[in-house]
Amino acid sequence: MSIEVGSKLQGKVTGITNFGAFVELPEGSTGLVHISEVADNYVKDINDHLKVGDQVEVKVINVEKDGKIGLSIRKAKDQPRQSRPHSQRPRHKGNDQRNNKENFEQKMARFLKESEDRLSSLKRHTESRRGGRGARRG
């Protein structure tokens, strides 16, 4: 069985790096699952998702001329269709939108406070290294 783009295969994780995981495929070939192809959400640390020796299902997303094989775990999962008939779409009420707006405003207020705190801390630290305000020079 040759390795073709679009095919789904079972493999074993043989190595983990900060940029992805190496997976041994049938017939002894090895491919790379880039960190962006491990899960649907953001992956900060690949070790939270994979361990050496894990059996994983991967989809071949590219095979380069030099023999490098690009793999994806997230594309190998059977995903439900995204589009739904209009009648089955969730209906939103006015309250939901107002709550989302409040949540956004709360998040924005928290962000501004944290940002101001960081700036004041940085300013104090910088001024103390330069001698502060009104320090005499020379």
C-alpha atoms as a PDB file:
ATOM      1  CA  MET A   1       0.000   0.000   0.000  1.00  0.00           C
ATOM      2  CA  SER A   2       1.613   3.244  -1.105  1.00  0.00           C
ATOM      3  CA  ILE A   3       1.245   6.444   0.867  1.00  0.00           C
ATOM      4  CA  GLU A   4      -0.994   8.831  -1.046  1.00  0.00           C
ATOM      5  CA  VAL A   5      -2.276  12.291  -0.213  1.00  0.00           C
ATOM      6  CA  GLY A   6      -5.728  12.026   1.361  1.00  0.00           C
ATOM      7  CA  SER A   7      -5.336   8.506   2.720  1.00  0.00           C
ATOM      8  CA  LYS A   8      -5.968   7.744   6.395  1.00  0.00           C
ATOM      9  CA  LEU A   9      -3.479   5.521   8.186  1.00  0.00           C
ATOM     10  CA  GLN A  10      -2.736   4.205  11.663  1.00  0.00           C
ATOM     11  CA  GLY A  11       0.645   5.141  13.058  1.00  0.00           C
ATOM     12  CA  LYS A  12       2.728   5.212  16.198  1.00  0.00           C
ATOM     13  CA  VAL A  13       4.239   8.373  17.698  1.00  0.00           C
ATOM     14  CA  THR A  14       8.001   7.851  17.740  1.00  0.00           C
ATOM     15  CA  GLY A  15       9.226  11.306  18.660  1.00  0.00           C
ATOM     16  CA  ILE A  16       7.992  14.668  19.919  1.00  0.00           C
ATOM     17  CA  THR A  17       9.535  18.071  19.289  1.00  0.00           C
ATOM     18  CA  ASN A  18       8.386  21.600  20.069  1.00  0.00           C
ATOM     19  CA  PHE A  19       7.080  21.939  16.488  1.00  0.00           C
ATOM     20  CA  GLY A  20       5.331  18.598  16.047  1.00  0.00           C
ATOM     21  CA  ALA A  21       5.375  14.829  16.378  1.00  0.00           C
ATOM     22  CA  PHE A  22       7.002  12.165  14.247  1.00  0.00           C
ATOM     23  CA  VAL A  23       4.728   9.248  13.431  1.00  0.00           C
ATOM     24  CA  GLU A  24       5.875   5.879  12.104  1.00  0.00           C
ATOM     25  CA  LEU A  25       3.542   4.694   9.365  1.00  0.00           C
ATOM     26  CA  PRO A  26       2.982   1.236   7.901  1.00  0.00           C
ATOM     27  CA  GLU A  27       5.843   0.031   5.686  1.00  0.00           C
ATOM     28  CA  GLY A  28       8.330   1.737   8.058  1.00  0.00           C
ATOM     29  CA  SER A  29       8.103   5.271   6.680  1.00  0.00           C
ATOM     30  CA  THR A  30       7.913   8.253   9.033  1.00  0.00           C
ATOM     31  CA  GLY A  31       5.908  11.457   8.702  1.00  0.00           C
ATOM     32  CA  LEU A  32       5.557  14.662  10.658  1.00  0.00           C
ATOM     33  CA  VAL A  33       2.379  15.960  12.287  1.00  0.00           C
ATOM     34  CA  HIS A  34       2.961  19.705  12.640  1.00  0.00           C
ATOM     35  CA  ILE A  35       1.779  21.151  15.967  1.00  0.00           C
ATOM     36  CA  SER A  36      -0.961  23.067  14.120  1.00  0.00           C
ATOM     37  CA  GLU A  37      -2.377  19.760  12.838  1.00  0.00           C
ATOM     38  CA  VAL A  38      -2.655  18.004  16.226  1.00  0.00           C
ATOM     39  CA  ALA A  39      -6.004  19.409  17.406  1.00  0.00           C
ATOM     40  CA  ASP A  40      -8.772  21.761  16.305  1.00  0.00           C
ATOM     41  CA  ASN A  41      -7.952  24.222  19.068  1.00  0.00           C
ATOM     42  CA  TYR A  42      -4.662  26.024  19.815  1.00  0.00           C
ATOM     43  CA  VAL A  43      -1.933  23.677  21.030  1.00  0.00           C
ATOM     44  CA  LYS A  44       0.615  25.380  23.259  1.00  0.00           C
ATOM     45  CA  ASP A  45       2.396  22.217  24.395  1.00  0.00           C
ATOM     46  CA  ILE A  46       2.173  19.143  22.198  1.00  0.00           C
ATOM     47  CA  ASN A  47       2.949  16.943  25.228  1.00  0.00           C
ATOM     48  CA  ASP A  48      -0.538  17.740  26.557  1.00  0.00           C
ATOM     49  CA  HIS A  49      -1.994  15.881  23.544  1.00  0.00           C
ATOM     50  CA  LEU A  50       0.507  13.177  22.536  1.00  0.00           C
ATOM     51  CA  LYS A  51       3.040  10.854  24.125  1.00  0.00           C
ATOM     52  CA  VAL A  52       5.722   8.703  22.515  1.00  0.00           C
ATOM     53  CA  GLY A  53       4.200   5.293  21.799  1.00  0.00           C
ATOM     54  CA  ASP A  54       0.633   6.557  21.251  1.00  0.00           C
ATOM     55  CA  GLN A  55      -1.282   4.936  18.401  1.00  0.00           C
ATOM     56  CA  VAL A  56      -2.895   7.643  16.277  1.00  0.00           C
ATOM     57  CA  GLU A  57      -4.963   7.874  13.130  1.00  0.00           C
ATOM     58  CA  VAL A  58      -3.469  10.350  10.670  1.00  0.00           C
ATOM     59  CA  LYS A  59      -4.364  11.716   7.267  1.00  0.00           C
ATOM     60  CA  VAL A  60      -1.650  12.291   4.680  1.00  0.00           C
ATOM     61  CA  ILE A  61      -1.816  15.961   3.677  1.00  0.00           C
ATOM     62  CA  ASN A  62       1.292  16.133   1.506  1.00  0.00           C
ATOM     63  CA  VAL A  63       4.192  14.070   0.197  1.00  0.00           C
ATOM     64  CA  GLU A  64       7.175  16.100  -0.975  1.00  0.00           C
ATOM     65  CA  LYS A  65       9.592  15.123  -3.728  1.00  0.00           C
ATOM     66  CA  ASP A  66      12.376  14.546  -1.189  1.00  0.00           C
ATOM     67  CA  GLY A  67      10.195  11.961   0.598  1.00  0.00           C
ATOM     68  CA  LYS A  68       8.975  14.080   3.514  1.00  0.00           C
ATOM     69  CA  ILE A  69       5.435  13.195   4.534  1.00  0.00           C
ATOM     70  CA  GLY A  70       3.110  15.776   6.074  1.00  0.00           C
ATOM     71  CA  LEU A  71       0.406  14.359   8.335  1.00  0.00           C
ATOM     72  CA  SER A  72      -2.647  15.650  10.190  1.00  0.00           C
ATOM     73  CA  ILE A  73      -4.435  14.173  13.191  1.00  0.00           C
ATOM     74  CA  ARG A  74      -7.211  16.754  13.236  1.00  0.00           C
ATOM     75  CA  LYS A  75      -8.088  16.199   9.565  1.00  0.00           C
ATOM     76  CA  ALA A  76      -8.200  12.421  10.127  1.00  0.00           C
ATOM     77  CA  LYS A  77     -11.138  12.790  12.501  1.00  0.00           C
ATOM     78  CA  ASP A  78     -14.550  12.436  10.923  1.00  0.00           C
ATOM     79  CA  GLN A  79     -16.006  15.915  11.245  1.00  0.00           C
ATOM     80  CA  PRO A  80     -19.745  16.544  11.134  1.00  0.00           C
ATOM     81  CA  ARG A  81     -20.960  18.697   8.281  1.00  0.00           C
ATOM     82  CA  GLN A  82     -20.796  22.371   9.173  1.00  0.00           C
ATOM     83  CA  SER A  83     -23.836  23.587   7.273  1.00  0.00           C
ATOM     84  CA  ARG A  84     -27.280  22.836   8.639  1.00  0.00           C
ATOM     85  CA  PRO A  85     -30.671  23.471   7.104  1.00  0.00           C
ATOM     86  CA  HIS A  86     -32.096  26.835   8.108  1.00  0.00           C
ATOM     87  CA  SER A  87     -34.788  25.217  10.253  1.00  0.00           C
ATOM     88  CA  GLN A  88     -32.183  23.399  12.399  1.00  0.00           C
ATOM     89  CA  ARG A  89     -29.971  26.395  13.107  1.00  0.00           C
ATOM     90  CA  PRO A  90     -30.003  27.591  16.706  1.00  0.00           C
ATOM     91  CA  ARG A  91     -32.132  30.635  17.279  1.00  0.00           C
ATOM     92  CA  HIS A  92     -30.704  33.494  19.286  1.00  0.00           C
ATOM     93  CA  LYS A  93     -32.776  35.653  21.524  1.00  0.00           C
ATOM     94  CA  GLY A  94     -32.121  39.321  22.227  1.00  0.00           C
ATOM     95  CA  ASN A  95     -30.992  38.462  25.768  1.00  0.00           C
ATOM     96  CA  ASP A  96     -28.167  36.296  24.435  1.00  0.00           C
ATOM     97  CA  GLN A  97     -26.740  39.164  22.427  1.00  0.00           C
ATOM     98  CA  ARG A  98     -26.982  41.553  25.375  1.00  0.00           C
ATOM     99  CA  ASN A  99     -25.220  39.016  27.632  1.00  0.00           C
ATOM    100  CA  ASN A 100     -22.483  38.583  25.026  1.00  0.00           C
ATOM    101  CA  LYS A 101     -22.071  42.354  24.909  1.00  0.00           C
ATOM    102  CA  GLU A 102     -21.822  42.514  28.696  1.00  0.00           C
ATOM    103  CA  ASN A 103     -19.276  39.727  28.662  1.00  0.00           C
ATOM    104  CA  PHE A 104     -17.261  41.571  26.056  1.00  0.00           C
ATOM    105  CA  GLU A 105     -17.407  44.801  28.064  1.00  0.00           C
ATOM    106  CA  GLN A 106     -16.335  42.948  31.205  1.00  0.00           C
ATOM    107  CA  LYS A 107     -13.449  41.361  29.329  1.00  0.00           C
ATOM    108  CA  MET A 108     -12.427  44.718  27.901  1.00  0.00           C
ATOM    109  CA  ALA A 109     -12.530  46.369  31.339  1.00  0.00           C
ATOM    110  CA  ARG A 110     -10.398  43.564  32.801  1.00  0.00           C
ATOM    111  CA  PHE A 111      -7.933  43.823  29.920  1.00  0.00           C
ATOM    112  CA  LEU A 112      -7.606  47.596  30.372  1.00  0.00           C
ATOM    113  CA  LYS A 113      -7.012  47.241  34.126  1.00  0.00           C
ATOM    114  CA  GLU A 114      -4.375  44.538  33.645  1.00  0.00           C
ATOM    115  CA  SER A 115      -2.721  46.565  30.911  1.00  0.00           C
ATOM    116  CA  GLU A 116      -2.565  49.686  33.098  1.00  0.00           C
ATOM    117  CA  ASP A 117      -1.135  47.622  35.968  1.00  0.00           C
ATOM    118  CA  ARG A 118       1.576  46.213  33.695  1.00  0.00           C
ATOM    119  CA  LEU A 119       2.438  49.644  32.326  1.00  0.00           C
ATOM    120  CA  SER A 120       2.691  51.229  35.770  1.00  0.00           C
ATOM    121  CA  SER A 121       4.857  48.356  37.005  1.00  0.00           C
ATOM    122  CA  LEU A 122       7.110  48.664  33.962  1.00  0.00           C
ATOM    123  CA  LYS A 123       7.331  52.431  34.395  1.00  0.00           C
ATOM    124  CA  ARG A 124       8.285  52.095  38.091  1.00  0.00           C
ATOM    125  CA  HIS A 125      10.904  49.472  37.248  1.00  0.00           C
ATOM    126  CA  THR A 126      12.390  51.574  34.459  1.00  0.00           C
ATOM    127  CA  GLU A 127      12.487  54.749  36.538  1.00  0.00           C
ATOM    128  CA  SER A 128      14.194  53.000  39.427  1.00  0.00           C
ATOM    129  CA  ARG A 129      16.943  51.779  37.094  1.00  0.00           C
ATOM    130  CA  ARG A 130      17.485  55.267  35.724  1.00  0.00           C
ATOM    131  CA  GLY A 131      17.453  56.858  39.122  1.00  0.00           C
ATOM    132  CA  GLY A 132      13.803  57.845  39.156  1.00  0.00           C
ATOM    133  CA  ARG A 133      12.348  61.236  38.555  1.00  0.00           C
ATOM    134  CA  GLY A 134      14.308  64.252  39.617  1.00  0.00           C
ATOM    135  CA  ALA A 135      17.493  62.284  40.123  1.00  0.00           C
ATOM    136  CA  ARG A 136      20.595  64.404  39.952  1.00  0.00           C
ATOM    137  CA  ARG A 137      23.010  63.700  37.224  1.00  0.00           C
ATOM    138  CA  GLY A 138      26.650  64.327  37.094  1.00  0.00           C
END
